[in-house]
Amino acid sequence: MSKLQLKKELAGMSPEQIIQVVLDAYSARKEIRDYFEFFLDPDVERLTERTLAIIDRELARGRYGRSGARITVVRRAIRDFAAFDPGAVYVRDIMLATLRRIIMRDRQVHFKDTMYKGFDKLVDDTIAYADAHALVDSTLSAITDLARDPDLATPSFRRRHLSRFI
């Protein structure tokens, strides 16, 4: 069903029927309940903490020095955060925090090649998002700071993935 079809259907309903549809959706799906809770009480800090906890949990997957983290789960967490529309700065900050977490985790484990490729794509997506929302200067500065900090990443990680910012 498209938005136009939904709009037409809702236009033909009484206010009581619309309220009942919203309440049924609220009860039926956790994602809808989360959206309405954020809509009614937009606590960006709590949403940020919850999203970073999901990302941290995913990055902690693995054993014996090998990471089992999946970049698709990390990207989905960022996309879900952005779907709440907390503001461009908050979305960009989640992206930067995710980059920082991946860089820090690389000191402890070995990621699969897909994770490294996903990291490079996430860097590019962060810059593209920042550019689209007039945040590119501060974003490039933050990424450059990440790239230059010798305490964060291993030299090989910086050379392979962040050398364009050093």
N, C-alpha and C. Protein backbone atom coordinates (compact mmCIF):
# COMPACT_ATOMS: atom_id res chain seq x y z
N MET A 1 0.85 -1.18 0.00
CA MET A 1 0.00 0.00 0.00
C MET A 1 0.90 1.24 0.00
N SER A 2 0.56 2.16 -0.82
CA SER A 2 1.33 3.40 -0.90
C SER A 2 0.80 4.41 0.12
N LYS A 3 1.58 5.47 0.31
CA LYS A 3 1.15 6.54 1.22
C LYS A 3 -0.14 7.19 0.73
N LEU A 4 -0.24 7.34 -0.59
CA LEU A 4 -1.44 7.96 -1.15
C LEU A 4 -2.68 7.12 -0.85
N GLN A 5 -2.57 5.81 -1.02
CA GLN A 5 -3.70 4.93 -0.73
C GLN A 5 -4.05 4.98 0.77
N LEU A 6 -3.03 4.98 1.61
CA LEU A 6 -3.26 5.07 3.05
C LEU A 6 -3.93 6.39 3.41
N LYS A 7 -3.46 7.46 2.80
CA LYS A 7 -4.04 8.78 3.06
C LYS A 7 -5.52 8.81 2.67
N LYS A 8 -5.84 8.23 1.52
CA LYS A 8 -7.24 8.18 1.08
C LYS A 8 -8.09 7.36 2.05
N GLU A 9 -7.55 6.24 2.49
CA GLU A 9 -8.28 5.38 3.42
C GLU A 9 -8.52 6.08 4.75
N LEU A 10 -7.49 6.74 5.26
CA LEU A 10 -7.63 7.46 6.53
C LEU A 10 -8.57 8.65 6.41
N ALA A 11 -8.59 9.29 5.25
CA ALA A 11 -9.47 10.44 5.05
C ALA A 11 -10.94 10.04 5.14
N GLY A 12 -11.24 8.79 4.79
CA GLY A 12 -12.62 8.32 4.85
C GLY A 12 -13.04 7.80 6.21
N MET A 13 -12.13 7.81 7.16
CA MET A 13 -12.45 7.30 8.50
C MET A 13 -12.82 8.44 9.45
N SER A 14 -13.59 8.07 10.46
CA SER A 14 -13.91 9.04 11.51
C SER A 14 -12.71 9.16 12.46
N PRO A 15 -12.65 10.23 13.25
CA PRO A 15 -11.54 10.37 14.20
C PRO A 15 -11.43 9.18 15.17
N GLU A 16 -12.56 8.63 15.59
CA GLU A 16 -12.54 7.48 16.49
C GLU A 16 -11.92 6.27 15.82
N GLN A 17 -12.23 6.06 14.54
CA GLN A 17 -11.66 4.93 13.80
C GLN A 17 -10.15 5.10 13.64
N ILE A 18 -9.71 6.32 13.37
CA ILE A 18 -8.27 6.57 13.23
C ILE A 18 -7.55 6.31 14.55
N ILE A 19 -8.16 6.76 15.64
CA ILE A 19 -7.58 6.51 16.96
C ILE A 19 -7.46 5.01 17.20
N GLN A 20 -8.48 4.26 16.84
CA GLN A 20 -8.46 2.82 17.05
C GLN A 20 -7.37 2.15 16.20
N VAL A 21 -7.18 2.61 14.97
CA VAL A 21 -6.13 2.06 14.10
C VAL A 21 -4.76 2.33 14.72
N VAL A 22 -4.55 3.55 15.21
CA VAL A 22 -3.26 3.89 15.84
C VAL A 22 -3.04 3.04 17.08
N LEU A 23 -4.05 2.87 17.91
CA LEU A 23 -3.90 2.05 19.12
C LEU A 23 -3.64 0.59 18.79
N ASP A 24 -4.31 0.07 17.76
CA ASP A 24 -4.06 -1.31 17.33
C ASP A 24 -2.63 -1.48 16.83
N ALA A 25 -2.15 -0.53 16.05
CA ALA A 25 -0.77 -0.58 15.55
C ALA A 25 0.21 -0.48 16.72
N TYR A 26 -0.08 0.37 17.69
CA TYR A 26 0.76 0.54 18.87
C TYR A 26 0.89 -0.78 19.63
N SER A 27 -0.21 -1.49 19.73
CA SER A 27 -0.21 -2.77 20.45
C SER A 27 0.44 -3.89 19.64
N ALA A 28 0.36 -3.81 18.34
CA ALA A 28 0.79 -4.92 17.49
C ALA A 28 2.30 -4.97 17.24
N ARG A 29 2.95 -3.84 17.12
CA ARG A 29 4.35 -3.83 16.69
C ARG A 29 5.21 -3.01 17.65
N LYS A 30 6.32 -3.60 18.08
CA LYS A 30 7.26 -2.93 18.98
C LYS A 30 7.84 -1.67 18.32
N GLU A 31 8.14 -1.74 17.03
CA GLU A 31 8.73 -0.60 16.33
C GLU A 31 7.77 0.60 16.33
N ILE A 32 6.49 0.31 16.15
CA ILE A 32 5.50 1.40 16.14
C ILE A 32 5.36 1.97 17.55
N ARG A 33 5.37 1.10 18.54
CA ARG A 33 5.29 1.56 19.94
C ARG A 33 6.49 2.45 20.26
N ASP A 34 7.69 2.04 19.84
CA ASP A 34 8.89 2.85 20.07
C ASP A 34 8.77 4.21 19.38
N TYR A 35 8.25 4.20 18.15
CA TYR A 35 8.10 5.45 17.42
C TYR A 35 7.15 6.41 18.15
N PHE A 36 6.00 5.90 18.56
CA PHE A 36 5.04 6.78 19.23
C PHE A 36 5.54 7.24 20.59
N GLU A 37 6.27 6.39 21.31
CA GLU A 37 6.84 6.82 22.58
C GLU A 37 7.85 7.94 22.36
N PHE A 38 8.65 7.83 21.30
CA PHE A 38 9.59 8.91 20.99
C PHE A 38 8.84 10.15 20.51
N PHE A 39 7.78 9.95 19.75
CA PHE A 39 6.97 11.06 19.24
C PHE A 39 6.36 11.84 20.40
N LEU A 40 5.87 11.14 21.41
CA LEU A 40 5.22 11.80 22.54
C LEU A 40 6.22 12.38 23.54
N ASP A 41 7.38 11.72 23.68
CA ASP A 41 8.41 12.18 24.62
C ASP A 41 9.76 12.04 23.92
N PRO A 42 10.14 13.02 23.10
CA PRO A 42 11.37 12.90 22.31
C PRO A 42 12.64 13.03 23.14
N ASP A 43 13.04 11.92 23.76
CA ASP A 43 14.25 11.87 24.57
C ASP A 43 15.39 11.32 23.70
N VAL A 44 16.12 12.23 23.07
CA VAL A 44 17.17 11.84 22.14
C VAL A 44 18.31 11.13 22.86
N GLU A 45 18.60 11.54 24.08
CA GLU A 45 19.68 10.91 24.84
C GLU A 45 19.39 9.43 25.09
N ARG A 46 18.19 9.12 25.49
CA ARG A 46 17.81 7.72 25.73
C ARG A 46 17.86 6.92 24.43
N LEU A 47 17.39 7.51 23.34
CA LEU A 47 17.43 6.84 22.04
C LEU A 47 18.88 6.62 21.61
N THR A 48 19.74 7.60 21.87
CA THR A 48 21.15 7.47 21.53
C THR A 48 21.79 6.35 22.34
N GLU A 49 21.53 6.32 23.63
CA GLU A 49 22.09 5.27 24.48
C GLU A 49 21.64 3.89 24.03
N ARG A 50 20.37 3.78 23.71
CA ARG A 50 19.84 2.48 23.27
C ARG A 50 20.48 2.04 21.96
N THR A 51 20.65 2.97 21.04
CA THR A 51 21.26 2.64 19.74
C THR A 51 22.72 2.27 19.91
N LEU A 52 23.46 3.03 20.71
CA LEU A 52 24.87 2.70 20.94
C LEU A 52 25.03 1.37 21.67
N ALA A 53 24.08 1.02 22.53
CA ALA A 53 24.12 -0.28 23.21
C ALA A 53 23.95 -1.41 22.19
N ILE A 54 23.08 -1.23 21.22
CA ILE A 54 22.90 -2.22 20.17
C ILE A 54 24.19 -2.37 19.36
N ILE A 55 24.79 -1.24 19.02
CA ILE A 55 26.04 -1.26 18.24
C ILE A 55 27.16 -1.90 19.05
N ASP A 56 27.28 -1.55 20.32
CA ASP A 56 28.32 -2.14 21.18
C ASP A 56 28.14 -3.64 21.31
N ARG A 57 26.89 -4.07 21.48
CA ARG A 57 26.62 -5.50 21.61
C ARG A 57 27.02 -6.24 20.33
N GLU A 58 26.74 -5.63 19.20
CA GLU A 58 27.11 -6.26 17.92
C GLU A 58 28.62 -6.30 17.75
N LEU A 59 29.29 -5.23 18.08
CA LEU A 59 30.75 -5.20 17.94
C LEU A 59 31.44 -6.15 18.92
N ALA A 60 30.78 -6.52 20.00
CA ALA A 60 31.36 -7.43 20.98
C ALA A 60 31.22 -8.90 20.57
N ARG A 61 30.49 -9.17 19.50
CA ARG A 61 30.33 -10.56 19.06
C ARG A 61 31.67 -11.13 18.61
N GLY A 62 31.87 -12.40 18.91
CA GLY A 62 33.07 -13.08 18.47
C GLY A 62 33.81 -13.70 19.63
N ARG A 63 34.88 -14.41 19.29
CA ARG A 63 35.72 -15.01 20.32
C ARG A 63 37.07 -15.38 19.74
N TYR A 64 37.98 -15.65 20.62
CA TYR A 64 39.34 -16.02 20.25
C TYR A 64 40.01 -14.97 19.37
N GLY A 65 39.73 -13.70 19.63
CA GLY A 65 40.38 -12.64 18.88
C GLY A 65 39.82 -12.38 17.50
N ARG A 66 38.76 -13.08 17.16
CA ARG A 66 38.12 -12.87 15.86
C ARG A 66 36.73 -12.31 16.08
N SER A 67 36.42 -11.27 15.38
CA SER A 67 35.13 -10.61 15.54
C SER A 67 34.07 -11.30 14.70
N GLY A 68 32.89 -11.38 15.27
CA GLY A 68 31.73 -11.89 14.53
C GLY A 68 30.74 -10.78 14.23
N ALA A 69 31.20 -9.55 14.38
CA ALA A 69 30.32 -8.40 14.16
C ALA A 69 29.87 -8.34 12.71
N ARG A 70 28.62 -7.94 12.54
CA ARG A 70 28.04 -7.81 11.21
C ARG A 70 27.76 -6.33 10.93
N ILE A 71 28.34 -5.84 9.86
CA ILE A 71 28.16 -4.44 9.50
C ILE A 71 26.70 -4.15 9.16
N THR A 72 25.98 -5.15 8.68
CA THR A 72 24.57 -4.94 8.34
C THR A 72 23.75 -4.61 9.58
N VAL A 73 24.06 -5.24 10.71
CA VAL A 73 23.35 -4.96 11.95
C VAL A 73 23.70 -3.55 12.45
N VAL A 74 24.96 -3.19 12.33
CA VAL A 74 25.40 -1.86 12.75
C VAL A 74 24.71 -0.79 11.89
N ARG A 75 24.69 -1.00 10.58
CA ARG A 75 24.06 -0.03 9.69
C ARG A 75 22.56 0.05 9.93
N ARG A 76 21.92 -1.08 10.23
CA ARG A 76 20.49 -1.08 10.52
C ARG A 76 20.20 -0.28 11.79
N ALA A 77 21.06 -0.40 12.79
CA ALA A 77 20.86 0.36 14.04
C ALA A 77 20.93 1.87 13.76
N ILE A 78 21.88 2.26 12.91
CA ILE A 78 21.99 3.68 12.55
C ILE A 78 20.77 4.12 11.76
N ARG A 79 20.35 3.30 10.81
CA ARG A 79 19.17 3.62 9.99
C ARG A 79 17.91 3.72 10.85
N ASP A 80 17.75 2.80 11.81
CA ASP A 80 16.60 2.85 12.71
C ASP A 80 16.62 4.11 13.57
N PHE A 81 17.81 4.50 14.03
CA PHE A 81 17.95 5.73 14.80
C PHE A 81 17.52 6.93 13.95
N ALA A 82 18.00 6.97 12.72
CA ALA A 82 17.68 8.09 11.82
C ALA A 82 16.19 8.14 11.49
N ALA A 83 15.51 6.99 11.50
CA ALA A 83 14.09 6.95 11.18
C ALA A 83 13.24 7.70 12.21
N PHE A 84 13.75 7.86 13.41
CA PHE A 84 13.03 8.63 14.43
C PHE A 84 13.12 10.13 14.17
N ASP A 85 13.99 10.54 13.26
CA ASP A 85 14.20 11.93 12.89
C ASP A 85 14.54 12.81 14.10
N PRO A 86 15.63 12.43 14.81
CA PRO A 86 16.03 13.23 15.97
C PRO A 86 16.74 14.52 15.60
N GLY A 87 17.16 14.64 14.37
CA GLY A 87 17.91 15.81 13.91
C GLY A 87 19.21 15.37 13.26
N ALA A 88 19.65 16.13 12.28
CA ALA A 88 20.83 15.74 11.50
C ALA A 88 22.09 15.66 12.35
N VAL A 89 22.25 16.54 13.30
CA VAL A 89 23.45 16.53 14.14
C VAL A 89 23.51 15.24 14.95
N TYR A 90 22.38 14.81 15.49
CA TYR A 90 22.35 13.58 16.28
C TYR A 90 22.65 12.35 15.42
N VAL A 91 22.12 12.32 14.22
CA VAL A 91 22.39 11.18 13.32
C VAL A 91 23.86 11.16 12.96
N ARG A 92 24.40 12.31 12.63
CA ARG A 92 25.82 12.38 12.31
C ARG A 92 26.68 11.97 13.50
N ASP A 93 26.28 12.38 14.70
CA ASP A 93 27.04 12.02 15.90
C ASP A 93 26.99 10.51 16.16
N ILE A 94 25.87 9.88 15.89
CA ILE A 94 25.78 8.41 16.02
C ILE A 94 26.73 7.75 15.03
N MET A 95 26.77 8.27 13.83
CA MET A 95 27.67 7.71 12.82
C MET A 95 29.13 7.86 13.26
N LEU A 96 29.49 9.02 13.77
CA LEU A 96 30.86 9.24 14.23
C LEU A 96 31.18 8.36 15.45
N ALA A 97 30.23 8.23 16.35
CA ALA A 97 30.45 7.37 17.52
C ALA A 97 30.64 5.91 17.10
N THR A 98 29.92 5.50 16.08
CA THR A 98 30.06 4.14 15.56
C THR A 98 31.44 3.94 14.95
N LEU A 99 31.89 4.92 14.17
CA LEU A 99 33.23 4.83 13.60
C LEU A 99 34.27 4.71 14.70
N ARG A 100 34.13 5.51 15.73
CA ARG A 100 35.08 5.49 16.85
C ARG A 100 35.07 4.12 17.53
N ARG A 101 33.90 3.56 17.73
CA ARG A 101 33.79 2.25 18.37
C ARG A 101 34.42 1.15 17.53
N ILE A 102 34.23 1.21 16.23
CA ILE A 102 34.84 0.20 15.35
C ILE A 102 36.37 0.32 15.40
N ILE A 103 36.86 1.55 15.34
CA ILE A 103 38.30 1.78 15.38
C ILE A 103 38.89 1.24 16.70
N MET A 104 38.22 1.54 17.80
CA MET A 104 38.71 1.08 19.09
C MET A 104 38.66 -0.44 19.20
N ARG A 105 37.62 -1.04 18.67
CA ARG A 105 37.46 -2.50 18.73
C ARG A 105 38.51 -3.21 17.88
N ASP A 106 38.99 -2.54 16.83
CA ASP A 106 39.99 -3.15 15.96
C ASP A 106 41.29 -3.43 16.70
N ARG A 107 41.55 -2.71 17.77
CA ARG A 107 42.76 -2.97 18.56
C ARG A 107 42.67 -4.30 19.31
N GLN A 108 41.46 -4.80 19.50
CA GLN A 108 41.26 -6.01 20.31
C GLN A 108 40.97 -7.26 19.49
N VAL A 109 40.39 -7.10 18.33
CA VAL A 109 39.99 -8.25 17.52
C VAL A 109 40.38 -8.04 16.07
N HIS A 110 40.26 -9.11 15.32
CA HIS A 110 40.45 -9.04 13.87
C HIS A 110 39.08 -9.13 13.23
N PHE A 111 38.72 -8.12 12.47
CA PHE A 111 37.45 -8.11 11.76
C PHE A 111 37.57 -8.89 10.45
N LYS A 112 36.43 -9.33 9.96
CA LYS A 112 36.38 -9.95 8.64
C LYS A 112 36.50 -8.85 7.59
N ASP A 113 36.85 -9.22 6.37
CA ASP A 113 37.00 -8.25 5.29
C ASP A 113 35.70 -7.47 5.05
N THR A 114 34.56 -8.13 5.20
CA THR A 114 33.29 -7.43 4.99
C THR A 114 33.11 -6.29 5.98
N MET A 115 33.61 -6.48 7.19
CA MET A 115 33.50 -5.42 8.19
C MET A 115 34.40 -4.25 7.82
N TYR A 116 35.59 -4.54 7.34
CA TYR A 116 36.49 -3.46 6.91
C TYR A 116 35.91 -2.70 5.72
N LYS A 117 35.34 -3.42 4.77
CA LYS A 117 34.70 -2.76 3.62
C LYS A 117 33.50 -1.94 4.08
N GLY A 118 32.75 -2.50 5.02
CA GLY A 118 31.61 -1.78 5.57
C GLY A 118 32.02 -0.54 6.33
N PHE A 119 33.17 -0.62 7.02
CA PHE A 119 33.69 0.56 7.72
C PHE A 119 34.00 1.67 6.71
N ASP A 120 34.68 1.31 5.61
CA ASP A 120 35.00 2.31 4.59
C ASP A 120 33.73 2.93 4.01
N LYS A 121 32.71 2.11 3.79
CA LYS A 121 31.44 2.62 3.26
C LYS A 121 30.76 3.51 4.29
N LEU A 122 30.86 3.15 5.57
CA LEU A 122 30.27 3.97 6.62
C LEU A 122 30.96 5.33 6.72
N VAL A 123 32.26 5.36 6.53
CA VAL A 123 32.98 6.64 6.50
C VAL A 123 32.45 7.50 5.35
N ASP A 124 32.35 6.89 4.16
CA ASP A 124 31.84 7.63 3.00
C ASP A 124 30.40 8.09 3.22
N ASP A 125 29.57 7.22 3.80
CA ASP A 125 28.17 7.58 4.06
C ASP A 125 28.06 8.70 5.09
N THR A 126 28.94 8.68 6.08
CA THR A 126 28.94 9.74 7.09
C THR A 126 29.27 11.09 6.45
N ILE A 127 30.27 11.08 5.59
CA ILE A 127 30.65 12.33 4.91
C ILE A 127 29.53 12.79 3.98
N ALA A 128 28.92 11.86 3.24
CA ALA A 128 27.82 12.22 2.34
C ALA A 128 26.63 12.76 3.13
N TYR A 129 26.31 12.14 4.27
CA TYR A 129 25.21 12.61 5.11
C TYR A 129 25.51 14.02 5.63
N ALA A 130 26.74 14.20 6.09
CA ALA A 130 27.14 15.51 6.60
C ALA A 130 27.07 16.56 5.51
N ASP A 131 27.49 16.20 4.32
CA ASP A 131 27.45 17.14 3.20
C ASP A 131 26.01 17.53 2.86
N ALA A 132 25.12 16.56 2.91
CA ALA A 132 23.71 16.82 2.59
C ALA A 132 23.02 17.68 3.65
N HIS A 133 23.60 17.73 4.86
CA HIS A 133 22.98 18.48 5.95
C HIS A 133 23.86 19.64 6.45
N ALA A 134 24.78 20.09 5.61
CA ALA A 134 25.64 21.25 5.91
C ALA A 134 26.45 21.07 7.19
N LEU A 135 26.97 19.86 7.38
CA LEU A 135 27.79 19.56 8.56
C LEU A 135 29.16 19.01 8.17
N VAL A 136 29.54 19.24 6.93
CA VAL A 136 30.73 18.57 6.41
C VAL A 136 32.02 19.04 7.07
N ASP A 137 32.15 20.31 7.38
CA ASP A 137 33.40 20.82 7.99
C ASP A 137 33.67 20.17 9.34
N SER A 138 32.70 20.18 10.21
CA SER A 138 32.90 19.59 11.54
C SER A 138 33.04 18.07 11.46
N THR A 139 32.39 17.47 10.51
CA THR A 139 32.48 16.02 10.35
C THR A 139 33.85 15.61 9.86
N LEU A 140 34.36 16.30 8.85
CA LEU A 140 35.70 15.99 8.36
C LEU A 140 36.75 16.24 9.44
N SER A 141 36.55 17.27 10.24
CA SER A 141 37.45 17.54 11.35
C SER A 141 37.42 16.40 12.36
N ALA A 142 36.24 15.91 12.67
CA ALA A 142 36.11 14.81 13.64
C ALA A 142 36.74 13.53 13.10
N ILE A 143 36.53 13.24 11.82
CA ILE A 143 37.13 12.03 11.22
C ILE A 143 38.64 12.17 11.17
N THR A 144 39.13 13.35 10.86
CA THR A 144 40.58 13.58 10.85
C THR A 144 41.16 13.38 12.24
N ASP A 145 40.45 13.86 13.26
CA ASP A 145 40.90 13.65 14.64
C ASP A 145 40.96 12.16 14.98
N LEU A 146 39.96 11.41 14.52
CA LEU A 146 39.98 9.96 14.73
C LEU A 146 41.18 9.32 14.04
N ALA A 147 41.45 9.78 12.83
CA ALA A 147 42.55 9.20 12.05
C ALA A 147 43.91 9.54 12.65
N ARG A 148 44.04 10.69 13.25
CA ARG A 148 45.34 11.13 13.78
C ARG A 148 45.62 10.65 15.20
N ASP A 149 44.62 10.17 15.89
CA ASP A 149 44.81 9.74 17.28
C ASP A 149 45.50 8.38 17.32
N PRO A 150 46.76 8.35 17.74
CA PRO A 150 47.50 7.08 17.74
C PRO A 150 47.02 6.10 18.81
N ASP A 151 46.26 6.58 19.79
CA ASP A 151 45.77 5.70 20.84
C ASP A 151 44.52 4.93 20.42
N LEU A 152 43.88 5.35 19.35
CA LEU A 152 42.64 4.70 18.93
C LEU A 152 42.89 3.48 18.06
N ALA A 153 43.52 3.70 16.94
CA ALA A 153 43.63 2.63 15.94
C ALA A 153 45.06 2.12 15.83
N THR A 154 45.17 0.93 15.33
CA THR A 154 46.50 0.40 15.05
C THR A 154 47.05 1.12 13.83
N PRO A 155 48.37 1.18 13.70
CA PRO A 155 48.95 1.85 12.53
C PRO A 155 48.48 1.24 11.20
N SER A 156 48.34 -0.07 11.15
CA SER A 156 47.89 -0.68 9.89
C SER A 156 46.45 -0.31 9.57
N PHE A 157 45.60 -0.21 10.59
CA PHE A 157 44.22 0.19 10.37
C PHE A 157 44.17 1.63 9.85
N ARG A 158 44.95 2.50 10.47
CA ARG A 158 44.98 3.90 10.02
C ARG A 158 45.49 3.99 8.58
N ARG A 159 46.51 3.22 8.28
CA ARG A 159 47.09 3.26 6.93
C ARG A 159 46.10 2.74 5.89
N ARG A 160 45.39 1.67 6.20
CA ARG A 160 44.46 1.06 5.23
C ARG A 160 43.15 1.82 5.08
N HIS A 161 42.64 2.36 6.17
CA HIS A 161 41.26 2.88 6.14
C HIS A 161 41.13 4.37 6.40
N LEU A 162 42.12 4.98 7.00
CA LEU A 162 41.99 6.39 7.37
C LEU A 162 43.10 7.27 6.78
N SER A 163 43.94 6.71 5.93
CA SER A 163 45.09 7.47 5.42
C SER A 163 44.69 8.70 4.61
N ARG A 164 43.51 8.69 4.05
CA ARG A 164 43.07 9.86 3.26
C ARG A 164 42.76 11.07 4.13
N PHE A 165 42.65 10.87 5.45
CA PHE A 165 42.33 11.96 6.37
C PHE A 165 43.52 12.44 7.18
N ILE A 166 44.62 11.76 7.07
CA ILE A 166 45.82 12.13 7.87
C ILE A 166 46.61 13.20 7.15
